[in-house]
Amino acid sequence: MEGFFCSKDSLKNDTFVYSIDLMSARILLSQKKIEIILNRFSSQLIEKFKDFDEVVLVGLQPRGIHLLNRLVSLLEKDYGLKKVINGKLDITFFRDDFRRFDKTLTPSSSEMELTIEGKSVVIIDDVLYTGRSIRAALTALDYYGRPNDIQLLVLIDRRFSRDLPIQPDYTGVQVDALEGDKVRVQWRDHSNKDTVFIEKNSL
C-alpha cells in the first residue's frame, strides 16, 4: 500500500503504522486485515486476563459497541470462553463540550446492568482521537463502582491528535492524519464488509 511504513516501535508492539497520502479518500484496513487485528486483540486479552472471571469489557456508544460485539462473539465462539461480561456505555452528558452544541444532543442508551467494583475494565472504542471521549468514559464509570484497573482498546489510534495524556493499551493500527481529516470505520453489520478508510479534509 502506498504511504505505508512500519516504525521500530510498531514492530516491537506488533502494531502497524500508516502514513497517509491525503490527496483522496483511501482505504486503511480491509476486511481481512480487520479480522487479523480482532484475532490479535482476542489473543492479547486472553494472555492478559486468562479466564475473564474478573474482567468487564465496556464498549462506548455509539461506535465502540460494534467492536465490542465482534470481540465478545470471537472470544466466546472461537476462543471458547464461556461468558464474557460486557456493557455498553453512553458518555454524551459526561463530555466536557456537550453544552457547547447548538443542536440538542440525543444520547444512546447505556446497557450497564453490572458492577465494576474490584474488576478489571477494558474500555473499547473504534477511534482514539483527542482523548476527550475516554476522559468522559472514565468519569461515567465512577457510577458503576471502583474498578481494580482500567485499560483501553482501540481499533484506530490517531496518535498525533491528542488533547489529553491518554494512550491505548491495545491498538489495532496507528494513523498519522492531518487535522480535519476523518477516519471512518464501517462494519459489515451496516455495510457490505468491514472497512476503515480516511476522508481528506475538503477545505
N, C-alpha and C. Protein backbone atom coordinates (compact mmCIF):
# COMPACT_ATOMS: atom_id res chain seq x y z
N MET A 1 0.85 -1.20 0.00
CA MET A 1 0.00 0.00 0.00
C MET A 1 0.88 1.24 0.00
N GLU A 2 0.57 2.18 -0.84
CA GLU A 2 1.32 3.43 -0.92
C GLU A 2 1.19 4.20 0.38
N GLY A 3 2.32 4.73 0.85
CA GLY A 3 2.29 5.53 2.06
C GLY A 3 2.34 4.70 3.33
N PHE A 4 2.73 3.42 3.22
CA PHE A 4 2.77 2.54 4.38
C PHE A 4 4.20 2.41 4.88
N PHE A 5 4.36 2.45 6.20
CA PHE A 5 5.66 2.12 6.76
C PHE A 5 5.46 1.54 8.14
N CYS A 6 6.45 0.80 8.60
CA CYS A 6 6.44 0.26 9.96
C CYS A 6 7.61 0.86 10.72
N SER A 7 7.34 1.47 11.86
CA SER A 7 8.40 2.00 12.69
C SER A 7 8.98 0.90 13.55
N LYS A 8 10.14 1.15 14.18
CA LYS A 8 10.72 0.18 15.10
C LYS A 8 9.79 -0.11 16.26
N ASP A 9 9.14 0.94 16.79
CA ASP A 9 8.22 0.75 17.91
C ASP A 9 7.04 -0.10 17.49
N SER A 10 6.55 0.10 16.26
CA SER A 10 5.38 -0.66 15.83
C SER A 10 5.72 -2.13 15.67
N LEU A 11 6.93 -2.43 15.22
CA LEU A 11 7.33 -3.81 15.10
C LEU A 11 7.44 -4.45 16.47
N LYS A 12 7.98 -3.72 17.42
CA LYS A 12 8.13 -4.25 18.78
C LYS A 12 6.78 -4.51 19.41
N ASN A 13 5.80 -3.64 19.17
CA ASN A 13 4.49 -3.76 19.80
C ASN A 13 3.48 -4.48 18.92
N ASP A 14 3.91 -5.02 17.78
CA ASP A 14 3.02 -5.69 16.85
C ASP A 14 1.90 -4.78 16.40
N THR A 15 2.23 -3.51 16.16
CA THR A 15 1.24 -2.51 15.75
C THR A 15 1.70 -1.86 14.45
N PHE A 16 0.87 -1.89 13.43
CA PHE A 16 1.21 -1.26 12.17
C PHE A 16 1.00 0.24 12.24
N VAL A 17 1.82 1.00 11.53
CA VAL A 17 1.71 2.45 11.48
C VAL A 17 1.55 2.87 10.03
N TYR A 18 0.55 3.69 9.75
CA TYR A 18 0.29 4.14 8.40
C TYR A 18 0.55 5.64 8.29
N SER A 19 1.30 6.03 7.26
CA SER A 19 1.44 7.44 6.91
C SER A 19 0.68 7.64 5.60
N ILE A 20 -0.30 8.55 5.60
CA ILE A 20 -1.28 8.59 4.53
C ILE A 20 -1.04 9.74 3.56
N ASP A 21 -1.11 9.43 2.27
CA ASP A 21 -1.20 10.44 1.24
C ASP A 21 -2.65 10.89 1.18
N LEU A 22 -2.94 12.15 1.55
CA LEU A 22 -4.31 12.61 1.71
C LEU A 22 -4.88 13.28 0.47
N MET A 23 -4.39 12.93 -0.71
CA MET A 23 -4.93 13.52 -1.92
C MET A 23 -6.34 13.02 -2.21
N SER A 24 -6.72 11.87 -1.64
CA SER A 24 -8.06 11.34 -1.88
C SER A 24 -8.41 10.39 -0.74
N ALA A 25 -9.68 10.00 -0.69
CA ALA A 25 -10.10 9.00 0.29
C ALA A 25 -9.33 7.71 0.04
N ARG A 26 -8.91 7.08 1.11
CA ARG A 26 -8.04 5.91 0.96
C ARG A 26 -8.40 4.85 1.99
N ILE A 27 -8.43 3.61 1.55
CA ILE A 27 -8.71 2.51 2.47
C ILE A 27 -7.48 2.26 3.34
N LEU A 28 -7.70 2.21 4.65
CA LEU A 28 -6.63 1.91 5.59
C LEU A 28 -6.58 0.43 5.94
N LEU A 29 -7.77 -0.14 6.18
CA LEU A 29 -7.84 -1.54 6.57
C LEU A 29 -8.93 -2.25 5.77
N SER A 30 -8.58 -3.36 5.20
CA SER A 30 -9.55 -4.21 4.52
C SER A 30 -10.20 -5.14 5.54
N GLN A 31 -11.22 -5.85 5.09
CA GLN A 31 -11.89 -6.79 5.98
C GLN A 31 -10.93 -7.85 6.50
N LYS A 32 -10.06 -8.34 5.65
CA LYS A 32 -9.10 -9.37 6.05
C LYS A 32 -8.16 -8.85 7.14
N LYS A 33 -7.68 -7.62 6.99
CA LYS A 33 -6.77 -7.07 7.98
C LYS A 33 -7.49 -6.79 9.30
N ILE A 34 -8.75 -6.41 9.22
CA ILE A 34 -9.53 -6.20 10.44
C ILE A 34 -9.72 -7.53 11.17
N GLU A 35 -9.97 -8.60 10.44
CA GLU A 35 -10.10 -9.92 11.05
C GLU A 35 -8.81 -10.33 11.76
N ILE A 36 -7.68 -10.04 11.16
CA ILE A 36 -6.39 -10.35 11.78
C ILE A 36 -6.23 -9.56 13.09
N ILE A 37 -6.60 -8.29 13.05
CA ILE A 37 -6.49 -7.45 14.24
C ILE A 37 -7.41 -7.95 15.35
N LEU A 38 -8.64 -8.31 15.01
CA LEU A 38 -9.59 -8.80 16.01
C LEU A 38 -9.07 -10.07 16.67
N ASN A 39 -8.48 -10.94 15.89
CA ASN A 39 -7.90 -12.16 16.47
C ASN A 39 -6.69 -11.83 17.35
N ARG A 40 -5.92 -10.85 16.94
CA ARG A 40 -4.78 -10.43 17.78
C ARG A 40 -5.27 -9.85 19.10
N PHE A 41 -6.29 -8.99 19.03
CA PHE A 41 -6.89 -8.46 20.26
C PHE A 41 -7.33 -9.59 21.18
N SER A 42 -8.02 -10.56 20.62
CA SER A 42 -8.53 -11.68 21.43
C SER A 42 -7.39 -12.42 22.11
N SER A 43 -6.34 -12.69 21.37
CA SER A 43 -5.19 -13.40 21.95
C SER A 43 -4.52 -12.58 23.04
N GLN A 44 -4.39 -11.26 22.82
CA GLN A 44 -3.78 -10.40 23.82
C GLN A 44 -4.61 -10.34 25.11
N LEU A 45 -5.92 -10.25 24.95
CA LEU A 45 -6.79 -10.19 26.13
C LEU A 45 -6.76 -11.49 26.91
N ILE A 46 -6.77 -12.62 26.21
CA ILE A 46 -6.71 -13.91 26.90
C ILE A 46 -5.37 -14.08 27.61
N GLU A 47 -4.30 -13.66 26.96
CA GLU A 47 -2.98 -13.74 27.58
C GLU A 47 -2.93 -12.90 28.86
N LYS A 48 -3.59 -11.74 28.82
CA LYS A 48 -3.57 -10.83 29.97
C LYS A 48 -4.48 -11.32 31.10
N PHE A 49 -5.70 -11.77 30.75
CA PHE A 49 -6.72 -12.00 31.77
C PHE A 49 -7.09 -13.47 31.98
N LYS A 50 -6.59 -14.37 31.17
CA LYS A 50 -6.87 -15.80 31.31
C LYS A 50 -8.35 -16.12 31.17
N ASP A 51 -9.06 -16.38 32.30
CA ASP A 51 -10.43 -16.89 32.21
C ASP A 51 -11.51 -15.81 32.21
N PHE A 52 -11.16 -14.55 32.39
CA PHE A 52 -12.09 -13.42 32.28
C PHE A 52 -13.12 -13.35 33.42
N ASP A 53 -12.92 -14.08 34.51
CA ASP A 53 -13.90 -14.06 35.60
C ASP A 53 -14.01 -12.68 36.24
N GLU A 54 -12.92 -11.93 36.25
CA GLU A 54 -12.89 -10.62 36.92
C GLU A 54 -12.69 -9.49 35.92
N VAL A 55 -13.18 -9.68 34.69
CA VAL A 55 -12.97 -8.71 33.62
C VAL A 55 -14.31 -8.24 33.07
N VAL A 56 -14.43 -6.94 32.80
CA VAL A 56 -15.61 -6.38 32.16
C VAL A 56 -15.17 -5.61 30.93
N LEU A 57 -15.71 -5.94 29.77
CA LEU A 57 -15.46 -5.18 28.55
C LEU A 57 -16.57 -4.15 28.39
N VAL A 58 -16.20 -2.89 28.18
CA VAL A 58 -17.19 -1.81 28.09
C VAL A 58 -17.01 -1.10 26.75
N GLY A 59 -18.01 -1.22 25.88
CA GLY A 59 -17.98 -0.53 24.60
C GLY A 59 -18.63 0.83 24.71
N LEU A 60 -18.04 1.84 24.09
CA LEU A 60 -18.58 3.19 24.14
C LEU A 60 -19.59 3.39 23.01
N GLN A 61 -20.77 3.90 23.40
CA GLN A 61 -21.79 4.24 22.41
C GLN A 61 -21.38 5.50 21.64
N PRO A 62 -21.69 5.60 20.36
CA PRO A 62 -22.39 4.58 19.58
C PRO A 62 -21.47 3.66 18.79
N ARG A 63 -20.25 4.06 18.51
CA ARG A 63 -19.44 3.31 17.55
C ARG A 63 -18.60 2.20 18.17
N GLY A 64 -18.25 2.35 19.42
CA GLY A 64 -17.41 1.33 20.04
C GLY A 64 -18.12 0.01 20.28
N ILE A 65 -19.46 0.04 20.27
CA ILE A 65 -20.19 -1.19 20.57
C ILE A 65 -20.07 -2.21 19.45
N HIS A 66 -19.82 -1.76 18.23
CA HIS A 66 -19.65 -2.71 17.12
C HIS A 66 -18.36 -3.51 17.31
N LEU A 67 -17.31 -2.84 17.71
CA LEU A 67 -16.05 -3.52 18.01
C LEU A 67 -16.23 -4.43 19.22
N LEU A 68 -16.94 -3.95 20.24
CA LEU A 68 -17.22 -4.78 21.42
C LEU A 68 -17.94 -6.06 21.03
N ASN A 69 -19.01 -5.93 20.26
CA ASN A 69 -19.80 -7.10 19.89
C ASN A 69 -18.97 -8.13 19.12
N ARG A 70 -18.13 -7.65 18.24
CA ARG A 70 -17.30 -8.57 17.45
C ARG A 70 -16.30 -9.30 18.34
N LEU A 71 -15.72 -8.57 19.29
CA LEU A 71 -14.74 -9.21 20.19
C LEU A 71 -15.40 -10.22 21.11
N VAL A 72 -16.56 -9.87 21.66
CA VAL A 72 -17.27 -10.79 22.54
C VAL A 72 -17.63 -12.07 21.78
N SER A 73 -18.15 -11.92 20.57
CA SER A 73 -18.51 -13.07 19.75
C SER A 73 -17.29 -13.94 19.45
N LEU A 74 -16.19 -13.31 19.12
CA LEU A 74 -14.97 -14.03 18.79
C LEU A 74 -14.44 -14.78 20.02
N LEU A 75 -14.41 -14.11 21.15
CA LEU A 75 -13.89 -14.72 22.37
C LEU A 75 -14.73 -15.92 22.81
N GLU A 76 -16.03 -15.81 22.67
CA GLU A 76 -16.91 -16.87 23.14
C GLU A 76 -17.01 -18.02 22.13
N LYS A 77 -17.12 -17.70 20.85
CA LYS A 77 -17.36 -18.74 19.85
C LYS A 77 -16.07 -19.38 19.34
N ASP A 78 -15.05 -18.55 19.10
CA ASP A 78 -13.82 -19.07 18.51
C ASP A 78 -12.76 -19.43 19.55
N TYR A 79 -12.77 -18.75 20.69
CA TYR A 79 -11.73 -18.98 21.69
C TYR A 79 -12.25 -19.71 22.93
N GLY A 80 -13.54 -20.06 22.93
CA GLY A 80 -14.06 -20.96 23.94
C GLY A 80 -14.33 -20.40 25.31
N LEU A 81 -14.37 -19.08 25.45
CA LEU A 81 -14.71 -18.52 26.76
C LEU A 81 -16.20 -18.67 26.99
N LYS A 82 -16.58 -19.08 28.21
CA LYS A 82 -17.98 -19.37 28.49
C LYS A 82 -18.84 -18.12 28.49
N LYS A 83 -18.39 -17.08 29.17
CA LYS A 83 -19.19 -15.86 29.28
C LYS A 83 -18.27 -14.67 29.45
N VAL A 84 -18.35 -13.74 28.53
CA VAL A 84 -17.57 -12.51 28.62
C VAL A 84 -18.51 -11.40 29.12
N ILE A 85 -18.27 -10.93 30.33
CA ILE A 85 -19.11 -9.88 30.90
C ILE A 85 -18.85 -8.59 30.14
N ASN A 86 -19.91 -7.93 29.69
CA ASN A 86 -19.72 -6.72 28.91
C ASN A 86 -20.88 -5.77 29.09
N GLY A 87 -20.63 -4.51 28.79
CA GLY A 87 -21.65 -3.48 28.88
C GLY A 87 -21.45 -2.44 27.81
N LYS A 88 -22.48 -1.60 27.62
CA LYS A 88 -22.43 -0.53 26.63
C LYS A 88 -22.68 0.78 27.34
N LEU A 89 -21.76 1.72 27.19
CA LEU A 89 -21.77 2.95 27.98
C LEU A 89 -21.97 4.17 27.09
N ASP A 90 -22.97 4.98 27.42
CA ASP A 90 -23.17 6.26 26.73
C ASP A 90 -22.50 7.37 27.55
N ILE A 91 -21.74 8.23 26.87
CA ILE A 91 -20.98 9.26 27.58
C ILE A 91 -21.42 10.67 27.18
N THR A 92 -22.55 10.78 26.51
CA THR A 92 -22.97 12.07 25.94
C THR A 92 -22.91 13.19 26.94
N PHE A 93 -23.51 13.01 28.12
CA PHE A 93 -23.62 14.10 29.08
C PHE A 93 -22.44 14.15 30.05
N PHE A 94 -21.43 13.34 29.78
CA PHE A 94 -20.20 13.40 30.56
C PHE A 94 -19.08 14.11 29.80
N ARG A 95 -19.35 14.44 28.54
CA ARG A 95 -18.35 15.15 27.74
C ARG A 95 -18.18 16.58 28.25
N ASP A 96 -16.99 17.13 28.10
CA ASP A 96 -16.74 18.48 28.58
C ASP A 96 -17.25 19.55 27.62
N ASP A 97 -17.79 19.11 26.46
CA ASP A 97 -18.26 20.09 25.47
C ASP A 97 -19.75 19.95 25.14
N PHE A 98 -20.50 19.12 25.89
CA PHE A 98 -21.87 18.84 25.45
C PHE A 98 -22.77 20.06 25.55
N ARG A 99 -22.44 21.03 26.40
CA ARG A 99 -23.25 22.24 26.49
C ARG A 99 -22.91 23.25 25.39
N ARG A 100 -21.91 22.96 24.60
CA ARG A 100 -21.47 23.92 23.58
C ARG A 100 -22.08 23.66 22.21
N PHE A 101 -22.89 22.62 22.09
CA PHE A 101 -23.52 22.33 20.82
C PHE A 101 -24.79 23.16 20.65
N ASP A 102 -25.00 23.68 19.45
CA ASP A 102 -26.22 24.44 19.17
C ASP A 102 -27.45 23.55 19.12
N LYS A 103 -27.27 22.34 18.60
CA LYS A 103 -28.40 21.42 18.50
C LYS A 103 -28.52 20.58 19.76
N THR A 104 -29.72 20.06 19.99
CA THR A 104 -29.96 19.20 21.14
C THR A 104 -29.35 17.82 20.87
N LEU A 105 -28.55 17.34 21.81
CA LEU A 105 -27.92 16.05 21.64
C LEU A 105 -28.87 14.93 22.03
N THR A 106 -28.85 13.86 21.28
CA THR A 106 -29.67 12.69 21.57
C THR A 106 -28.76 11.56 22.03
N PRO A 107 -28.79 11.24 23.31
CA PRO A 107 -27.89 10.19 23.80
C PRO A 107 -28.33 8.81 23.36
N SER A 108 -27.37 7.90 23.29
CA SER A 108 -27.69 6.48 23.10
C SER A 108 -27.96 5.88 24.48
N SER A 109 -28.46 4.68 24.50
CA SER A 109 -28.75 4.05 25.78
C SER A 109 -27.51 3.36 26.34
N SER A 110 -27.38 3.42 27.66
CA SER A 110 -26.35 2.65 28.34
C SER A 110 -26.94 1.30 28.75
N GLU A 111 -26.19 0.25 28.54
CA GLU A 111 -26.59 -1.08 28.98
C GLU A 111 -25.51 -1.58 29.93
N MET A 112 -25.63 -1.13 31.18
CA MET A 112 -24.61 -1.42 32.19
C MET A 112 -25.27 -2.02 33.43
N GLU A 113 -25.96 -3.15 33.24
CA GLU A 113 -26.60 -3.84 34.36
C GLU A 113 -25.57 -4.72 35.06
N LEU A 114 -24.55 -4.06 35.59
CA LEU A 114 -23.44 -4.78 36.18
C LEU A 114 -22.69 -3.85 37.12
N THR A 115 -21.79 -4.42 37.91
CA THR A 115 -20.90 -3.62 38.73
C THR A 115 -19.47 -3.85 38.28
N ILE A 116 -18.66 -2.82 38.37
CA ILE A 116 -17.26 -2.96 38.01
C ILE A 116 -16.38 -2.92 39.27
N GLU A 117 -17.00 -2.99 40.43
CA GLU A 117 -16.27 -2.94 41.69
C GLU A 117 -15.23 -4.06 41.76
N GLY A 118 -13.96 -3.68 41.91
CA GLY A 118 -12.89 -4.66 42.03
C GLY A 118 -12.55 -5.41 40.76
N LYS A 119 -13.16 -5.04 39.64
CA LYS A 119 -12.92 -5.73 38.38
C LYS A 119 -11.82 -5.04 37.56
N SER A 120 -11.34 -5.74 36.57
CA SER A 120 -10.50 -5.14 35.53
C SER A 120 -11.41 -4.74 34.38
N VAL A 121 -11.37 -3.47 34.00
CA VAL A 121 -12.25 -2.95 32.96
C VAL A 121 -11.43 -2.63 31.71
N VAL A 122 -11.95 -3.03 30.57
CA VAL A 122 -11.34 -2.66 29.28
C VAL A 122 -12.35 -1.80 28.53
N ILE A 123 -12.02 -0.51 28.37
CA ILE A 123 -12.85 0.39 27.56
C ILE A 123 -12.53 0.12 26.09
N ILE A 124 -13.59 0.03 25.27
CA ILE A 124 -13.42 -0.30 23.86
C ILE A 124 -14.07 0.78 23.01
N ASP A 125 -13.29 1.32 22.06
CA ASP A 125 -13.82 2.30 21.11
C ASP A 125 -13.16 2.08 19.76
N ASP A 126 -13.78 2.63 18.71
CA ASP A 126 -13.23 2.38 17.37
C ASP A 126 -12.03 3.27 17.08
N VAL A 127 -12.15 4.59 17.35
CA VAL A 127 -11.07 5.53 17.02
C VAL A 127 -10.72 6.36 18.26
N LEU A 128 -9.44 6.40 18.59
CA LEU A 128 -8.95 7.30 19.64
C LEU A 128 -8.40 8.54 18.96
N TYR A 129 -8.99 9.68 19.29
CA TYR A 129 -8.63 10.94 18.62
C TYR A 129 -8.05 11.91 19.65
N THR A 130 -8.85 12.79 20.21
CA THR A 130 -8.33 13.78 21.16
C THR A 130 -8.16 13.21 22.56
N GLY A 131 -8.88 12.14 22.86
CA GLY A 131 -8.85 11.56 24.21
C GLY A 131 -9.98 12.05 25.10
N ARG A 132 -10.77 13.02 24.62
CA ARG A 132 -11.83 13.58 25.46
C ARG A 132 -12.97 12.60 25.70
N SER A 133 -13.28 11.77 24.72
CA SER A 133 -14.31 10.76 24.92
C SER A 133 -13.89 9.76 25.99
N ILE A 134 -12.62 9.42 26.01
CA ILE A 134 -12.14 8.47 27.00
C ILE A 134 -12.17 9.09 28.39
N ARG A 135 -11.82 10.36 28.51
CA ARG A 135 -11.93 11.02 29.80
C ARG A 135 -13.38 11.02 30.28
N ALA A 136 -14.32 11.29 29.38
CA ALA A 136 -15.74 11.25 29.73
C ALA A 136 -16.14 9.85 30.19
N ALA A 137 -15.61 8.83 29.51
CA ALA A 137 -15.93 7.45 29.89
C ALA A 137 -15.41 7.14 31.30
N LEU A 138 -14.23 7.61 31.61
CA LEU A 138 -13.67 7.37 32.95
C LEU A 138 -14.55 8.00 34.02
N THR A 139 -15.08 9.19 33.74
CA THR A 139 -15.98 9.84 34.68
C THR A 139 -17.29 9.06 34.81
N ALA A 140 -17.85 8.64 33.68
CA ALA A 140 -19.11 7.91 33.70
C ALA A 140 -18.99 6.58 34.44
N LEU A 141 -17.85 5.94 34.35
CA LEU A 141 -17.65 4.64 35.00
C LEU A 141 -17.68 4.74 36.52
N ASP A 142 -17.44 5.93 37.06
CA ASP A 142 -17.48 6.10 38.51
C ASP A 142 -18.82 5.69 39.10
N TYR A 143 -19.88 5.77 38.32
CA TYR A 143 -21.23 5.45 38.81
C TYR A 143 -21.45 3.94 38.96
N TYR A 144 -20.53 3.14 38.47
CA TYR A 144 -20.72 1.69 38.47
C TYR A 144 -19.75 0.96 39.40
N GLY A 145 -19.03 1.71 40.22
CA GLY A 145 -18.12 1.08 41.16
C GLY A 145 -16.68 1.52 40.96
N ARG A 146 -15.83 1.02 41.83
CA ARG A 146 -14.40 1.34 41.78
C ARG A 146 -13.65 0.13 41.25
N PRO A 147 -13.22 0.19 39.99
CA PRO A 147 -12.55 -0.98 39.41
C PRO A 147 -11.13 -1.15 39.94
N ASN A 148 -10.61 -2.35 39.78
CA ASN A 148 -9.23 -2.61 40.16
C ASN A 148 -8.26 -1.90 39.23
N ASP A 149 -8.58 -1.90 37.95
CA ASP A 149 -7.77 -1.19 36.96
C ASP A 149 -8.61 -1.00 35.70
N ILE A 150 -8.21 -0.05 34.86
CA ILE A 150 -8.89 0.24 33.61
C ILE A 150 -7.87 0.29 32.48
N GLN A 151 -8.18 -0.40 31.40
CA GLN A 151 -7.34 -0.38 30.21
C GLN A 151 -8.17 0.10 29.03
N LEU A 152 -7.47 0.42 27.95
CA LEU A 152 -8.12 0.98 26.76
C LEU A 152 -7.72 0.20 25.52
N LEU A 153 -8.74 -0.20 24.75
CA LEU A 153 -8.53 -0.91 23.49
C LEU A 153 -9.20 -0.13 22.37
N VAL A 154 -8.45 0.17 21.31
CA VAL A 154 -9.00 0.90 20.17
C VAL A 154 -8.53 0.26 18.87
N LEU A 155 -9.39 0.33 17.87
CA LEU A 155 -9.02 -0.17 16.55
C LEU A 155 -8.05 0.78 15.87
N ILE A 156 -8.32 2.10 15.96
CA ILE A 156 -7.50 3.12 15.30
C ILE A 156 -7.01 4.12 16.34
N ASP A 157 -5.73 4.41 16.32
CA ASP A 157 -5.15 5.43 17.19
C ASP A 157 -4.60 6.56 16.32
N ARG A 158 -5.29 7.72 16.37
CA ARG A 158 -4.76 8.92 15.70
C ARG A 158 -3.78 9.56 16.67
N ARG A 159 -2.58 9.06 16.68
CA ARG A 159 -1.65 9.29 17.78
C ARG A 159 -1.15 10.72 17.90
N PHE A 160 -1.20 11.52 16.84
CA PHE A 160 -0.69 12.89 16.91
C PHE A 160 -1.81 13.92 17.07
N SER A 161 -2.99 13.47 17.49
CA SER A 161 -4.15 14.38 17.58
C SER A 161 -4.66 14.52 19.01
N ARG A 162 -3.87 14.12 19.98
CA ARG A 162 -4.35 14.07 21.36
C ARG A 162 -4.37 15.43 22.02
N ASP A 163 -5.46 15.71 22.76
CA ASP A 163 -5.56 16.89 23.63
C ASP A 163 -5.21 16.55 25.07
N LEU A 164 -5.32 15.27 25.41
CA LEU A 164 -5.12 14.82 26.79
C LEU A 164 -4.11 13.67 26.82
N PRO A 165 -3.44 13.48 27.96
CA PRO A 165 -2.42 12.43 28.05
C PRO A 165 -3.04 11.05 28.25
N ILE A 166 -3.73 10.58 27.21
CA ILE A 166 -4.40 9.28 27.23
C ILE A 166 -3.85 8.43 26.09
N GLN A 167 -3.43 7.21 26.42
CA GLN A 167 -2.85 6.32 25.43
C GLN A 167 -3.49 4.94 25.54
N PRO A 168 -3.65 4.24 24.42
CA PRO A 168 -4.27 2.92 24.45
C PRO A 168 -3.31 1.83 24.93
N ASP A 169 -3.88 0.80 25.53
CA ASP A 169 -3.11 -0.39 25.92
C ASP A 169 -3.09 -1.43 24.81
N TYR A 170 -4.14 -1.42 24.00
CA TYR A 170 -4.25 -2.34 22.86
C TYR A 170 -4.64 -1.52 21.63
N THR A 171 -3.83 -1.60 20.58
CA THR A 171 -4.04 -0.78 19.39
C THR A 171 -4.05 -1.65 18.15
N GLY A 172 -5.05 -1.41 17.28
CA GLY A 172 -5.05 -2.09 16.00
C GLY A 172 -4.02 -1.50 15.07
N VAL A 173 -4.21 -0.23 14.70
CA VAL A 173 -3.24 0.50 13.88
C VAL A 173 -3.12 1.92 14.38
N GLN A 174 -1.97 2.50 14.17
CA GLN A 174 -1.75 3.92 14.43
C GLN A 174 -1.79 4.65 13.09
N VAL A 175 -2.52 5.76 13.06
CA VAL A 175 -2.71 6.51 11.83
C VAL A 175 -2.22 7.94 12.02
N ASP A 176 -1.38 8.39 11.12
CA ASP A 176 -0.92 9.78 11.12
C ASP A 176 -1.74 10.54 10.09
N ALA A 177 -2.65 11.40 10.56
CA ALA A 177 -3.53 12.14 9.66
C ALA A 177 -3.55 13.61 10.06
N LEU A 178 -3.87 14.47 9.11
CA LEU A 178 -3.91 15.90 9.37
C LEU A 178 -5.18 16.29 10.10
N GLU A 179 -5.13 17.42 10.80
CA GLU A 179 -6.29 17.96 11.48
C GLU A 179 -7.40 18.22 10.44
N GLY A 180 -8.60 17.79 10.75
CA GLY A 180 -9.72 17.98 9.84
C GLY A 180 -10.02 16.78 8.97
N ASP A 181 -9.06 15.88 8.81
CA ASP A 181 -9.32 14.65 8.06
C ASP A 181 -10.05 13.66 8.96
N LYS A 182 -10.89 12.84 8.37
CA LYS A 182 -11.76 11.95 9.14
C LYS A 182 -11.41 10.49 8.86
N VAL A 183 -11.28 9.74 9.93
CA VAL A 183 -11.09 8.29 9.82
C VAL A 183 -12.43 7.63 10.07
N ARG A 184 -12.90 6.86 9.10
CA ARG A 184 -14.21 6.23 9.16
C ARG A 184 -14.07 4.72 9.31
N VAL A 185 -14.87 4.16 10.20
CA VAL A 185 -14.92 2.70 10.38
C VAL A 185 -16.30 2.22 9.98
N GLN A 186 -16.36 1.31 9.02
CA GLN A 186 -17.62 0.71 8.60
C GLN A 186 -17.61 -0.77 8.95
N TRP A 187 -18.68 -1.22 9.61
CA TRP A 187 -18.78 -2.62 9.99
C TRP A 187 -19.77 -3.33 9.09
N ARG A 188 -19.56 -4.60 8.89
CA ARG A 188 -20.39 -5.37 7.97
C ARG A 188 -21.83 -5.47 8.44
N ASP A 189 -22.10 -5.18 9.72
CA ASP A 189 -23.48 -5.16 10.21
C ASP A 189 -24.30 -4.09 9.51
N HIS A 190 -23.63 -3.01 9.09
CA HIS A 190 -24.32 -1.89 8.46
C HIS A 190 -23.80 -1.61 7.05
N SER A 191 -22.89 -2.41 6.58
CA SER A 191 -22.31 -2.21 5.26
C SER A 191 -22.06 -3.59 4.64
N ASN A 192 -21.51 -3.62 3.45
CA ASN A 192 -21.24 -4.90 2.81
C ASN A 192 -20.09 -5.65 3.47
N LYS A 193 -19.16 -4.90 4.05
CA LYS A 193 -17.99 -5.54 4.65
C LYS A 193 -17.34 -4.58 5.63
N ASP A 194 -16.42 -5.11 6.42
CA ASP A 194 -15.66 -4.29 7.36
C ASP A 194 -14.60 -3.51 6.59
N THR A 195 -14.54 -2.21 6.82
CA THR A 195 -13.56 -1.36 6.15
C THR A 195 -13.23 -0.16 7.02
N VAL A 196 -11.98 0.25 7.00
CA VAL A 196 -11.57 1.51 7.60
C VAL A 196 -10.93 2.36 6.52
N PHE A 197 -11.40 3.61 6.39
CA PHE A 197 -10.82 4.48 5.38
C PHE A 197 -10.71 5.89 5.92
N ILE A 198 -9.95 6.70 5.23
CA ILE A 198 -9.73 8.09 5.64
C ILE A 198 -10.29 9.03 4.58
N GLU A 199 -10.95 10.09 5.05
CA GLU A 199 -11.52 11.07 4.15
C GLU A 199 -10.70 12.36 4.25
N LYS A 200 -10.28 12.86 3.11
CA LYS A 200 -9.49 14.08 3.04
C LYS A 200 -10.33 15.28 3.43
N ASN A 201 -9.75 16.19 4.19
CA ASN A 201 -10.40 17.45 4.50
C ASN A 201 -10.62 18.25 3.21
N SER A 202 -11.85 18.65 2.94
CA SER A 202 -12.18 19.32 1.68
C SER A 202 -11.82 20.79 1.67
N LEU A 203 -11.44 21.36 2.84
CA LEU A 203 -11.09 22.79 2.89
C LEU A 203 -9.76 23.06 2.24
